Every structure is written in C-alpha cells, then in structure tokens.
C-alpha cells in the first residue's frame, strides 16, 4: 500500500524552497508539500503550496496543519534551516512508524557548518522527558491520526507552547520513538550559543513563553495522574540544642586553588545571630587546595578528606551532612562561587522559620570570574510559585541557588553520588512532600569560567547529562503517580 505524506516546512526563500521540493518529490509517498509563511512569497513554488500562519509555535497553526487534507503521516520541520535527506531516509522513518504504530518518530542527524558535517546523536524519549527543550532534531514524522487526536485534545490556544503541548498530548496517545540513525543533514540558521541554551528558561525576556510551557506541563501531569496539589503542612523543626550549631555551609571541593579561598572567606565572613560553621569536603585535591585549607586558622572551618576516594559532588555532600559537626540547616556554596554579602546566612535561616519550609532556594547573579555581571544577569527562578512550583519542577532543569536544607530530612533522603544533577534530584524529592521556600533577592554570585562543570561540553556529555535528568524526572513522575494512587 502506498503511503501518503504531507510535508510542512518553514519558508525562507523561493530558491531554497525549490531545492527541497525537488528532493522531496523523489520519494514517491509525498502527497502535499506546504511551506509555512507569514506572507505570500512573490513567486510561486512549483509543486508546493503556501500555508499562511504566524508561527509554528501557535495552536492555530497546528490546527491548520491537522485539517490540511487526509494523509497517513505528517512530516514537520520544526527548526529553520536547509534540510538534505539521506537516501531512502523518509522511507526508513515511515517504515519504522508503520511497523511500531508510533505516534511520533525522530532521528539522529548531521549538522553542516562551513562545509563540514558534524554528527548530532540524540537521546531516547522517556516518560520523564518533560522539559520543553528536549532535542528532537529538526525533522519529525507524526502519525496523522495521532496528530489529529492530539490537536483535538488541545483546549488552550497557545502562542508559544503549541509544539510542546502537541508532544505531551501525543505521549498520552502513543509511543515516541528515536531512530538512532543519521537520516538527514541540516544547515541551521541563527543558532543560540550553549550558554544561551543553558539559561534560556530563566532569562526574564522568555517569561511569557515559560508561563505557557508551565501550563501545558501542568495539564499533562493532571491527565497523567502525576499532579500534586500545593503542600499545606508546616514544618516542625527540632530544637536547636540537638545540633552542634544552627547552620553549616557545605563546600565540596576538588582542585579549586584559584577560588577556594574566596569561597571559604565568603562563608566565614557571614554575620549571624546564631553559631555556624563551614564544612569543606576536600575530594583529594592535587593542585594545592588541600594545603590552603589545612593552614586556615579558624575553629569554625571543618576540613574533611573523605575515606572514600571515589566520591562525586553528591557523595561529598553526604559526608558533610552526616558529619557530627553538621548543623540544623545545611547551606550550599560551590567552591568557585561566593555569597553576595555578609547577611546571606541570616536571611536563609530566617526564611526557614518564616516560610516553614524543608528546603529553601535563593536567587543569584551570573558573573564572570572577576564578578562582573554577565547576561542574563539575575537568575531568580520566578517560575517557582508556592502554588505550582513543585509540579513545574518536573519541566525545568534546575531550581536555583543557593540551596539550603533542613538537615534531618536531607540525611533521610541521601544525596545521589553524582557530580551533575544531584541538586536537582534533591529538589524533586523535597518538593514531592514538603514545602520549598524562596528568597527572590540576590544572595549568591555564580561565576562562569572555563572550569565550570557545564562549560563547553561536547554533545556526548550534554546527552549524558540530559539523559540523567530525564531519568530523575521519570522516577519522580512514577513516585508521584503511585503516591496519588495510594491516596485515592
């Protein structure tokens, strides 16, 4: 049986449109080719139509696509750029889609820049792949019936979140399959930098977009059974005399000779109405960091070298919070960052008592190594609201800094022994059952420099990081669904 495919691609120029039409017509299954444009081009494109629309990110556009004639599959290019399909690649996608009855198919591809091809391997989609920036590449193949069903489920008209909303609803209808084969090449246009991609979800200029994304995700969680109502229970803190001090600043460190003095001095310079200490877990530094710490003359500084030489950042946190010197509250400070002023600890502890929370997150200023502010500047995570932050946490990639915890609960939770995503895992765990407090003023300077853990990562490492956080979301979604079933 001959399949019918309708193709929808962004319009850039008549010349490029004619090239892709010629290429697509070589596949005998292409029924209609439509270019999405906000205006009518001056010249006609032989063998193709123009679908007038404002943007692919709107619900109105997806409804137009769904209603554009009958077909078996819809091939959609979701990112601008010039596509070159591999030999029989469209047939490969439709073949797997037909055999698996998948709702959505995506594949690995090549990126072409300055006549050089770079492989872009992607990761498998899973139930926890709820972040709106999940990388599907540029070319997606939808089962047409599933596409129409999903569009019919769209009750909200979005201006920015339509493609995200479509994907979430498709995942309720059928499977989303990743073909780990390189089926096309794209010459992309106006690519954001890695830094821009990393902080896009907290950039104030994207706030309107984020509000829509949050709504789409919340609706999905309700449909999936993973939505949680706001936490109304208040914390009951243990008496302070049960702990050696009120607060401990926790600093895991390995080979930070350039920054560790700044971090420790920032912590020890805090002015508080309560006793505190600074616990530095020195993870077998070899660059002189250990020597600097061992010479520090302040009884409030607790310098620990773990017995286990194979700990990640999370493992170092476990060593610190389970140490007998750890206080009632544990406050994060990375070894290359500093607090914004001498009142940070006081504000955090006051926040615990005022907001009756088990975990508290502040706001930070993004800076260069010399502490000069850099874009996007203040990261205050205002997408976190008391009403829905614990649900929206399953969509976003982080909760902010500095992070602080009620130590008895943190000891109960245990920190994953990783060096990436361990803080996000804690945020998900705490937000499932406890209130998370927020302070929206800047408490922390986060330095961006060449030795940051997420600086200049290659695609393999980026994929590994994203895969891990998606798994954290998958496990958390399962936990919340099971918790809701038990409650019912």
Protein backbone atom coordinates (compact mmCIF):
# COMPACT_ATOMS: atom_id res chain seq x y z
CA UNK A 1 0.00 0.00 0.00
CA UNK A 2 1.36 3.39 -0.96
CA UNK A 3 1.55 5.76 1.99
CA UNK A 4 0.53 9.40 1.79
CA UNK A 5 2.73 12.00 3.48
CA UNK A 6 2.00 15.69 3.89
CA UNK A 7 5.14 17.81 4.44
CA UNK A 8 5.21 21.15 6.24
CA UNK A 9 8.38 23.23 6.23
CA UNK A 10 9.31 26.80 7.20
CA UNK A 11 9.68 29.12 4.22
CA UNK A 12 12.94 31.02 3.83
CA UNK A 13 13.36 31.74 0.12
CA UNK A 14 11.94 30.61 -3.22
CA UNK A 15 15.35 29.26 -4.24
CA UNK A 16 15.70 27.03 -1.17
CA UNK A 17 12.03 26.02 -1.39
CA UNK A 18 12.50 24.77 -4.97
CA UNK A 19 15.52 22.72 -3.91
CA UNK A 20 13.69 20.92 -1.10
CA UNK A 21 10.61 20.34 -3.28
CA UNK A 22 12.73 18.63 -5.92
CA UNK A 23 14.34 16.50 -3.22
CA UNK A 24 11.07 15.52 -1.53
CA UNK A 25 9.40 14.61 -4.83
CA UNK A 26 11.99 11.87 -5.26
CA UNK A 27 10.11 10.00 -2.53
CA UNK A 28 7.02 8.52 -4.13
CA UNK A 29 4.97 8.84 -0.93
CA UNK A 30 4.87 12.64 -0.74
CA UNK A 31 1.32 13.86 -1.34
CA UNK A 32 1.44 17.58 -0.43
CA UNK A 33 4.29 19.97 0.32
CA UNK A 34 3.40 23.13 2.21
CA UNK A 35 5.65 25.98 3.22
CA UNK A 36 4.70 27.89 6.36
CA UNK A 37 4.99 31.63 5.89
CA UNK A 38 3.52 34.76 7.42
CA UNK A 39 3.26 36.37 3.95
CA UNK A 40 2.71 35.20 0.40
CA UNK A 41 6.04 34.87 -1.49
CA UNK A 42 6.43 36.99 -4.64
CA UNK A 43 7.00 33.97 -6.88
CA UNK A 44 5.20 30.66 -6.99
CA UNK A 45 6.89 27.44 -5.91
CA UNK A 46 6.25 24.67 -8.37
CA UNK A 47 4.75 21.58 -6.76
CA UNK A 48 4.11 23.20 -3.37
CA UNK A 49 1.57 25.31 -1.52
CA UNK A 50 1.91 28.18 0.93
CA UNK A 51 0.14 27.93 4.29
CA UNK A 52 -0.19 31.40 5.77
CA UNK A 53 0.43 31.36 9.53
CA UNK A 54 2.11 33.49 12.16
CA UNK A 55 4.29 30.82 13.74
CA UNK A 56 4.66 27.08 14.11
CA UNK A 57 4.57 27.58 17.88
CA UNK A 58 0.87 28.55 17.86
CA UNK A 59 -2.07 26.23 18.38
CA UNK A 60 -3.84 27.88 15.45
CA UNK A 61 -1.08 26.76 13.05
CA UNK A 62 -1.22 23.15 14.27
CA UNK A 63 -4.97 23.12 13.75
CA UNK A 64 -4.44 24.30 10.16
CA UNK A 65 -1.91 21.52 9.59
CA UNK A 66 -4.25 18.92 11.08
CA UNK A 67 -7.03 19.99 8.77
CA UNK A 68 -4.92 20.07 5.60
CA UNK A 69 -6.33 17.06 3.75
CA UNK A 70 -6.20 13.37 4.57
CA UNK A 71 -2.87 11.57 4.79
CA UNK A 72 -1.12 8.76 6.65
CA UNK A 73 1.80 10.75 8.01
CA UNK A 74 2.74 14.36 8.63
CA UNK A 75 6.39 15.32 8.19
CA UNK A 76 7.17 18.54 10.01
CA UNK A 77 10.35 20.63 10.08
CA UNK A 78 10.32 22.42 13.44
CA UNK A 79 13.60 24.37 13.19
CA UNK A 80 14.69 26.74 10.41
CA UNK A 81 17.49 25.59 8.15
CA UNK A 82 18.25 23.82 4.90
CA UNK A 83 17.48 20.09 5.05
CA UNK A 84 19.13 17.40 2.93
CA UNK A 85 17.58 13.96 3.37
CA UNK A 86 19.68 10.81 3.17
CA UNK A 87 18.95 8.13 0.59
CA UNK A 88 15.56 6.49 1.42
CA UNK A 89 15.54 8.18 4.83
CA UNK A 90 11.88 9.18 4.60
CA UNK A 91 11.03 5.60 3.67
CA UNK A 92 13.06 4.45 6.67
CA UNK A 93 11.08 6.70 9.01
CA UNK A 94 7.70 5.66 7.63
CA UNK A 95 8.71 2.01 7.65
CA UNK A 96 9.52 2.08 11.37
CA UNK A 97 6.45 4.20 12.11
CA UNK A 98 4.20 1.72 10.31
CA UNK A 99 5.77 -1.32 11.96
CA UNK A 100 5.67 0.11 15.50
CA UNK A 101 2.45 2.16 15.24
CA UNK A 102 4.39 5.03 16.82
CA UNK A 103 2.73 8.41 17.25
CA UNK A 104 5.98 10.29 16.63
CA UNK A 105 9.33 9.43 15.04
CA UNK A 106 12.58 11.42 15.24
CA UNK A 107 16.16 10.58 14.32
CA UNK A 108 19.83 11.43 14.69
CA UNK A 109 21.23 13.72 12.01
CA UNK A 110 24.23 15.69 10.83
CA UNK A 111 24.80 19.41 11.29
CA UNK A 112 26.59 21.12 8.43
CA UNK A 113 28.62 24.25 9.06
CA UNK A 114 31.22 25.69 6.71
CA UNK A 115 31.02 22.59 4.51
CA UNK A 116 31.81 20.30 7.43
CA UNK A 117 29.39 17.69 8.77
CA UNK A 118 29.15 17.02 12.49
CA UNK A 119 27.16 14.07 13.88
CA UNK A 120 24.33 15.03 16.22
CA UNK A 121 23.28 11.95 18.21
CA UNK A 122 20.08 12.38 20.21
CA UNK A 123 18.74 10.55 23.26
CA UNK A 124 15.70 8.33 23.71
CA UNK A 125 12.44 9.88 24.82
CA UNK A 126 11.02 8.60 28.10
CA UNK A 127 8.08 9.44 30.32
CA UNK A 128 10.24 11.88 32.28
CA UNK A 129 11.38 13.80 29.19
CA UNK A 130 9.10 16.65 30.24
CA UNK A 131 11.47 19.56 29.68
CA UNK A 132 10.23 21.77 26.87
CA UNK A 133 13.74 21.97 25.35
CA UNK A 134 14.05 18.23 24.70
CA UNK A 135 16.08 17.90 21.49
CA UNK A 136 14.13 16.08 18.76
CA UNK A 137 16.26 17.49 15.99
CA UNK A 138 14.61 19.41 13.16
CA UNK A 139 12.55 16.79 11.30
CA UNK A 140 9.66 14.94 12.95
CA UNK A 141 7.31 12.36 11.45
CA UNK A 142 3.86 12.13 13.03
CA UNK A 143 1.19 9.52 12.58
CA UNK A 144 -1.54 11.69 11.05
CA UNK A 145 -4.40 10.16 13.07
CA UNK A 146 -2.46 10.58 16.32
CA UNK A 147 -1.60 14.15 15.30
CA UNK A 148 -5.28 14.99 14.77
CA UNK A 149 -6.29 13.31 18.03
CA UNK A 150 -3.70 15.32 19.93
CA UNK A 151 -4.77 18.58 18.28
CA UNK A 152 -8.39 17.82 19.15
CA UNK A 153 -7.33 17.49 22.79
CA UNK A 154 -5.83 21.00 22.77
CA UNK A 155 -8.19 23.15 24.81
CA UNK A 156 -5.83 26.11 25.22
CA UNK A 157 -4.77 28.37 22.36
CA UNK A 158 -1.04 28.88 22.83
CA UNK A 159 1.18 31.47 21.20
CA UNK A 160 4.48 29.77 22.15
CA UNK A 161 3.83 26.32 23.63
CA UNK A 162 1.84 24.59 20.88
CA UNK A 163 4.57 22.16 19.69
CA UNK A 164 5.33 21.30 23.33
CA UNK A 165 1.65 20.81 24.10
CA UNK A 166 1.29 18.62 21.00
CA UNK A 167 4.19 16.39 22.06
CA UNK A 168 2.84 15.93 25.58
CA UNK A 169 -0.61 15.00 24.31
CA UNK A 170 0.88 12.63 21.72
CA UNK A 171 2.72 10.82 24.52
CA UNK A 172 -0.68 10.07 26.07
CA UNK A 173 -1.89 8.59 22.78
CA UNK A 174 1.05 6.51 21.54
CA UNK A 175 4.79 5.93 21.67
CA UNK A 176 7.56 8.37 20.74
CA UNK A 177 10.42 6.56 19.02
CA UNK A 178 14.01 7.64 18.44
CA UNK A 179 15.79 6.20 15.39
CA UNK A 180 19.47 6.28 16.26
CA UNK A 181 20.49 6.53 12.62
CA UNK A 182 21.67 9.68 10.81
CA UNK A 183 18.83 10.27 8.36
CA UNK A 184 19.31 13.89 7.29
CA UNK A 185 21.64 16.87 7.32
CA UNK A 186 20.70 20.40 8.33
CA UNK A 187 22.40 23.73 7.81
CA UNK A 188 20.88 25.62 10.71
CA UNK A 189 20.42 29.37 10.99
CA UNK A 190 20.80 31.72 13.95
CA UNK A 191 21.89 29.01 16.38
CA UNK A 192 21.89 30.06 20.08
CA UNK A 193 25.13 29.57 21.97
CA UNK A 194 25.48 26.79 24.53
CA UNK A 195 25.33 29.43 27.27
CA UNK A 196 22.11 30.91 25.84
CA UNK A 197 20.53 27.47 25.66
CA UNK A 198 21.57 26.66 29.23
CA UNK A 199 19.90 29.73 30.75
CA UNK A 200 17.03 30.28 28.29
CA UNK A 201 14.39 29.03 30.71
CA UNK A 202 15.35 31.59 33.37
CA UNK A 203 16.00 34.56 31.10
CA UNK A 204 13.43 37.27 32.04
CA UNK A 205 12.76 38.03 28.37
CA UNK A 206 11.37 34.50 27.98
CA UNK A 207 8.96 34.77 30.92
CA UNK A 208 5.81 34.83 28.77
CA UNK A 209 6.99 31.70 26.97
CA UNK A 210 7.69 29.94 30.26
CA UNK A 211 4.23 30.68 31.63
CA UNK A 212 2.68 28.89 28.66
CA UNK A 213 5.08 25.97 28.93
CA UNK A 214 4.22 25.59 32.61
CA UNK A 215 0.52 25.49 31.86
CA UNK A 216 0.96 22.83 29.18
CA UNK A 217 3.07 20.69 31.51
CA UNK A 218 0.65 21.08 34.42
CA UNK A 219 -2.27 19.99 32.24
CA UNK A 220 -0.25 16.95 31.15
CA UNK A 221 0.55 15.98 34.75
CA UNK A 222 -3.14 16.19 35.63
CA UNK A 223 -4.02 13.95 32.69
CA UNK A 224 -1.22 11.51 33.59
CA UNK A 225 -2.03 11.34 37.30
CA UNK A 226 1.23 12.93 38.40
CA UNK A 227 -0.09 16.33 39.50
CA UNK A 228 0.26 17.24 43.18
CA UNK A 229 -1.77 19.91 44.99
CA UNK A 230 0.09 22.62 46.94
CA UNK A 231 1.71 21.48 50.18
CA UNK A 232 -0.13 22.99 53.15
CA UNK A 233 1.60 21.21 56.06
CA UNK A 234 4.03 23.23 58.16
CA UNK A 235 7.46 22.05 59.25
CA UNK A 236 8.19 21.08 62.83
CA UNK A 237 11.87 21.78 63.38
CA UNK A 238 13.84 20.01 66.07
CA UNK A 239 15.21 22.05 68.96
CA UNK A 240 18.44 23.82 68.08
CA UNK A 241 20.26 22.35 71.08
CA UNK A 242 20.09 18.95 69.37
CA UNK A 243 22.72 20.17 66.88
CA UNK A 244 26.28 21.45 67.35
CA UNK A 245 25.32 24.69 65.59
CA UNK A 246 22.38 26.24 63.82
CA UNK A 247 23.81 26.18 60.30
CA UNK A 248 26.60 24.59 58.30
CA UNK A 249 27.86 25.86 54.98
CA UNK A 250 28.71 22.80 52.86
CA UNK A 251 31.52 23.19 50.28
CA UNK A 252 32.62 20.14 48.28
CA UNK A 253 35.90 20.92 46.50
CA UNK A 254 38.42 19.32 44.20
CA UNK A 255 41.27 21.28 42.63
CA UNK A 256 39.98 24.82 43.03
CA UNK A 257 43.17 26.56 44.12
CA UNK A 258 42.12 29.71 42.25
CA UNK A 259 38.77 30.09 44.01
CA UNK A 260 38.59 28.14 47.28
CA UNK A 261 39.96 30.98 49.40
CA UNK A 262 37.28 33.34 48.08
CA UNK A 263 34.53 30.81 48.79
CA UNK A 264 35.66 29.96 52.33
CA UNK A 265 36.28 33.59 53.22
CA UNK A 266 32.83 34.49 51.92
CA UNK A 267 31.28 31.86 54.21
CA UNK A 268 33.34 32.67 57.32
CA UNK A 269 32.59 36.39 56.91
CA UNK A 270 28.87 35.91 57.49
CA UNK A 271 27.30 37.90 60.35
CA UNK A 272 24.58 35.96 62.16
CA UNK A 273 22.66 35.86 65.41
CA UNK A 274 23.42 32.13 65.71
CA UNK A 275 26.52 29.90 65.66
CA UNK A 276 27.55 28.37 62.35
CA UNK A 277 30.45 26.52 60.79
CA UNK A 278 31.86 25.81 57.34
CA UNK A 279 32.36 22.18 56.34
CA UNK A 280 34.70 21.72 53.40
CA UNK A 281 34.82 18.23 51.92
CA UNK A 282 38.17 18.15 50.14
CA UNK A 283 37.86 15.43 47.49
CA UNK A 284 41.56 14.54 47.16
CA UNK A 285 42.73 17.78 45.58
CA UNK A 286 46.14 17.66 43.90
CA UNK A 287 46.69 21.32 42.99
CA UNK A 288 47.42 22.84 46.39
CA UNK A 289 43.80 23.30 47.50
CA UNK A 290 44.31 20.91 50.44
CA UNK A 291 47.35 22.81 51.64
CA UNK A 292 45.45 26.11 51.63
CA UNK A 293 42.63 24.61 53.67
CA UNK A 294 44.90 22.91 56.19
CA UNK A 295 46.64 26.20 57.01
CA UNK A 296 43.40 28.09 57.69
CA UNK A 297 43.30 29.26 61.31
CA UNK A 298 39.60 29.36 62.23
CA UNK A 299 37.91 26.83 64.50
CA UNK A 300 34.68 27.23 62.55
CA UNK A 301 36.30 25.65 59.49
CA UNK A 302 35.90 21.86 59.38
CA UNK A 303 38.27 20.40 56.78
CA UNK A 304 37.39 16.82 55.81
CA UNK A 305 39.15 14.45 53.43
CA UNK A 306 36.73 11.53 52.87
CA UNK A 307 37.77 7.92 53.45
CA UNK A 308 36.27 7.03 50.06
CA UNK A 309 38.40 8.40 47.17
CA UNK A 310 35.72 7.86 44.51
CA UNK A 311 33.00 10.28 45.53
CA UNK A 312 31.19 12.72 43.29
CA UNK A 313 29.82 16.06 44.48
CA UNK A 314 26.73 14.34 45.87
CA UNK A 315 28.84 11.84 47.77
CA UNK A 316 30.83 14.68 49.31
CA UNK A 317 27.57 16.27 50.43
CA UNK A 318 26.63 13.02 52.17
CA UNK A 319 29.95 13.07 54.01
CA UNK A 320 29.35 16.66 55.11
CA UNK A 321 25.75 16.38 56.27
CA UNK A 322 26.37 13.13 58.15
CA UNK A 323 29.41 14.58 59.93
CA UNK A 324 28.78 15.17 63.65
CA UNK A 325 29.69 18.85 63.22
CA UNK A 326 26.81 19.47 60.77
CA UNK A 327 24.23 21.99 61.92
CA UNK A 328 20.45 22.06 61.87
CA UNK A 329 20.41 23.58 58.39
CA UNK A 330 22.85 22.79 55.56
CA UNK A 331 23.52 25.60 53.07
CA UNK A 332 25.19 25.13 49.70
CA UNK A 333 28.19 27.06 48.47
CA UNK A 334 30.10 25.88 45.40
CA UNK A 335 33.86 26.10 45.62
CA UNK A 336 34.11 28.68 42.83
CA UNK A 337 31.25 30.94 43.98
CA UNK A 338 30.67 33.40 46.83
CA UNK A 339 27.76 34.82 48.81
CA UNK A 340 26.59 38.26 47.73
CA UNK A 341 27.13 39.84 51.15
CA UNK A 342 27.67 39.07 54.83
CA UNK A 343 23.95 38.65 55.60
CA UNK A 344 23.16 35.70 53.35
CA UNK A 345 23.14 33.00 56.05
CA UNK A 346 20.95 35.09 58.35
CA UNK A 347 18.41 35.66 55.56
CA UNK A 348 18.33 31.94 54.73
CA UNK A 349 17.77 30.76 58.31
CA UNK A 350 15.14 33.46 58.88
CA UNK A 351 13.48 32.21 55.69
CA UNK A 352 13.21 28.67 57.03
CA UNK A 353 11.34 29.80 60.13
CA UNK A 354 9.20 32.41 58.36
CA UNK A 355 8.15 30.17 55.47
CA UNK A 356 8.04 26.90 57.43
CA UNK A 357 9.81 25.03 54.64
CA UNK A 358 12.04 21.95 54.44
CA UNK A 359 14.19 23.32 51.61
CA UNK A 360 14.89 26.91 50.64
CA UNK A 361 16.26 28.35 47.40
CA UNK A 362 17.62 31.86 46.89
CA UNK A 363 18.48 33.88 43.80
CA UNK A 364 21.86 34.53 42.20
CA UNK A 365 23.71 36.86 39.91
CA UNK A 366 25.55 35.33 36.95
CA UNK A 367 29.05 36.81 36.75
CA UNK A 368 32.39 36.28 35.07
CA UNK A 369 35.45 35.23 37.05
CA UNK A 370 36.07 38.82 38.19
CA UNK A 371 32.47 39.05 39.48
CA UNK A 372 31.28 41.35 36.69
CA UNK A 373 27.61 40.66 35.85
CA UNK A 374 27.01 38.82 32.56
CA UNK A 375 23.76 38.04 30.68
CA UNK A 376 21.11 37.11 31.57
CA UNK A 377 22.12 38.65 34.92
CA UNK A 378 19.88 37.90 37.90
CA UNK A 379 18.54 34.35 37.99
CA UNK A 380 15.62 34.42 40.42
CA UNK A 381 13.60 31.43 39.16
CA UNK A 382 10.30 33.23 39.41
CA UNK A 383 8.76 30.28 37.58
CA UNK A 384 8.74 28.70 41.04
CA UNK A 385 5.44 29.59 42.71
CA UNK A 386 4.09 28.28 46.03
CA UNK A 387 1.02 27.02 44.21
CA UNK A 388 2.65 25.11 41.36
CA UNK A 389 6.44 25.16 41.68
CA UNK A 390 6.56 21.54 42.80
CA UNK A 391 4.81 20.48 39.57
CA UNK A 392 6.72 22.85 37.30
CA UNK A 393 9.92 21.39 38.78
CA UNK A 394 9.37 18.37 36.52
CA UNK A 395 9.69 20.62 33.45
CA UNK A 396 12.59 22.94 34.30
CA UNK A 397 16.26 21.97 34.50
CA UNK A 398 17.14 23.41 37.91
CA UNK A 399 15.80 25.19 40.96
CA UNK A 400 18.36 27.92 41.58
CA UNK A 401 20.99 28.83 44.18
CA UNK A 402 21.93 28.96 46.92
CA UNK A 403 20.08 25.86 48.07
CA UNK A 404 19.56 25.10 51.74
CA UNK A 405 18.05 22.10 53.52
CA UNK A 406 16.70 21.03 56.87
CA UNK A 407 19.45 18.57 57.79
CA UNK A 408 17.40 15.71 59.34
CA UNK A 409 15.35 15.38 56.14
CA UNK A 410 18.42 15.66 53.93
CA UNK A 411 20.03 12.85 55.91
CA UNK A 412 16.93 10.79 55.37
CA UNK A 413 16.84 11.49 51.61
CA UNK A 414 20.53 10.87 50.87
CA UNK A 415 22.22 12.78 48.04
CA UNK A 416 22.87 10.88 44.76
CA UNK A 417 26.60 10.25 44.38
CA UNK A 418 26.96 12.13 41.10
CA UNK A 419 28.64 15.35 40.04
CA UNK A 420 25.76 16.56 37.90
CA UNK A 421 22.05 16.80 38.70
CA UNK A 422 22.38 15.79 42.35
CA UNK A 423 20.90 19.14 43.44
CA UNK A 424 18.01 18.74 41.00
CA UNK A 425 17.29 15.25 42.39
CA UNK A 426 17.05 16.74 45.87
CA UNK A 427 14.67 19.44 44.70
CA UNK A 428 12.34 16.86 43.17
CA UNK A 429 12.40 14.68 46.29
CA UNK A 430 11.74 17.55 48.70
CA UNK A 431 9.04 19.12 46.53
CA UNK A 432 7.08 15.87 46.42
CA UNK A 433 6.13 16.06 50.08
CA UNK A 434 7.41 19.28 51.60
CA UNK A 435 7.20 23.00 51.14
CA UNK A 436 10.13 24.70 49.37
CA UNK A 437 10.74 28.29 50.38
CA UNK A 438 12.03 31.02 48.09
CA UNK A 439 14.03 34.21 48.51
CA UNK A 440 13.96 36.35 45.36
CA UNK A 441 16.73 38.80 46.23
CA UNK A 442 20.29 38.05 45.11
CA UNK A 443 22.11 36.02 47.77
CA UNK A 444 24.84 34.49 45.65
CA UNK A 445 27.33 35.25 42.88
CA UNK A 446 27.64 32.36 40.42
CA UNK A 447 30.89 32.59 38.48
CA UNK A 448 31.01 31.39 34.88
CA UNK A 449 34.51 30.43 33.81
CA UNK A 450 36.37 27.75 31.90
CA UNK A 451 36.45 25.26 34.79
CA UNK A 452 32.69 25.19 35.44
CA UNK A 453 31.25 21.67 35.31
CA UNK A 454 28.92 22.61 32.45
CA UNK A 455 31.28 24.81 30.45
CA UNK A 456 31.94 23.98 26.76
CA UNK A 457 30.53 20.45 26.85
CA UNK A 458 30.55 18.20 23.80
CA UNK A 459 27.36 16.58 22.53
CA UNK A 460 28.13 13.24 24.21
CA UNK A 461 28.42 14.84 27.65
CA UNK A 462 25.38 17.04 27.07
CA UNK A 463 23.37 13.96 26.13
CA UNK A 464 24.58 12.07 29.21
CA UNK A 465 23.59 14.97 31.47
CA UNK A 466 20.18 15.36 29.85
CA UNK A 467 19.53 11.61 29.94
CA UNK A 468 20.27 11.52 33.66
CA UNK A 469 17.93 14.40 34.48
CA UNK A 470 15.21 12.85 32.31
CA UNK A 471 15.60 9.64 34.31
CA UNK A 472 15.28 11.60 37.53
CA UNK A 473 12.04 13.04 36.18
CA UNK A 474 10.82 9.59 35.11
CA UNK A 475 11.41 8.14 38.58
CA UNK A 476 9.83 11.18 40.22
CA UNK A 477 6.79 11.05 37.96
CA UNK A 478 6.32 7.36 38.80
CA UNK A 479 6.64 8.14 42.51
CA UNK A 480 4.02 10.88 42.31
CA UNK A 481 1.63 8.75 40.28
CA UNK A 482 1.97 5.93 42.81
CA UNK A 483 1.53 8.36 45.69
CA UNK A 484 -1.69 9.66 44.13
CA UNK A 485 -2.97 6.11 43.63
CA UNK A 486 -2.24 5.28 47.27
CA UNK A 487 -4.05 8.45 48.39
CA UNK A 488 -7.06 7.54 46.30
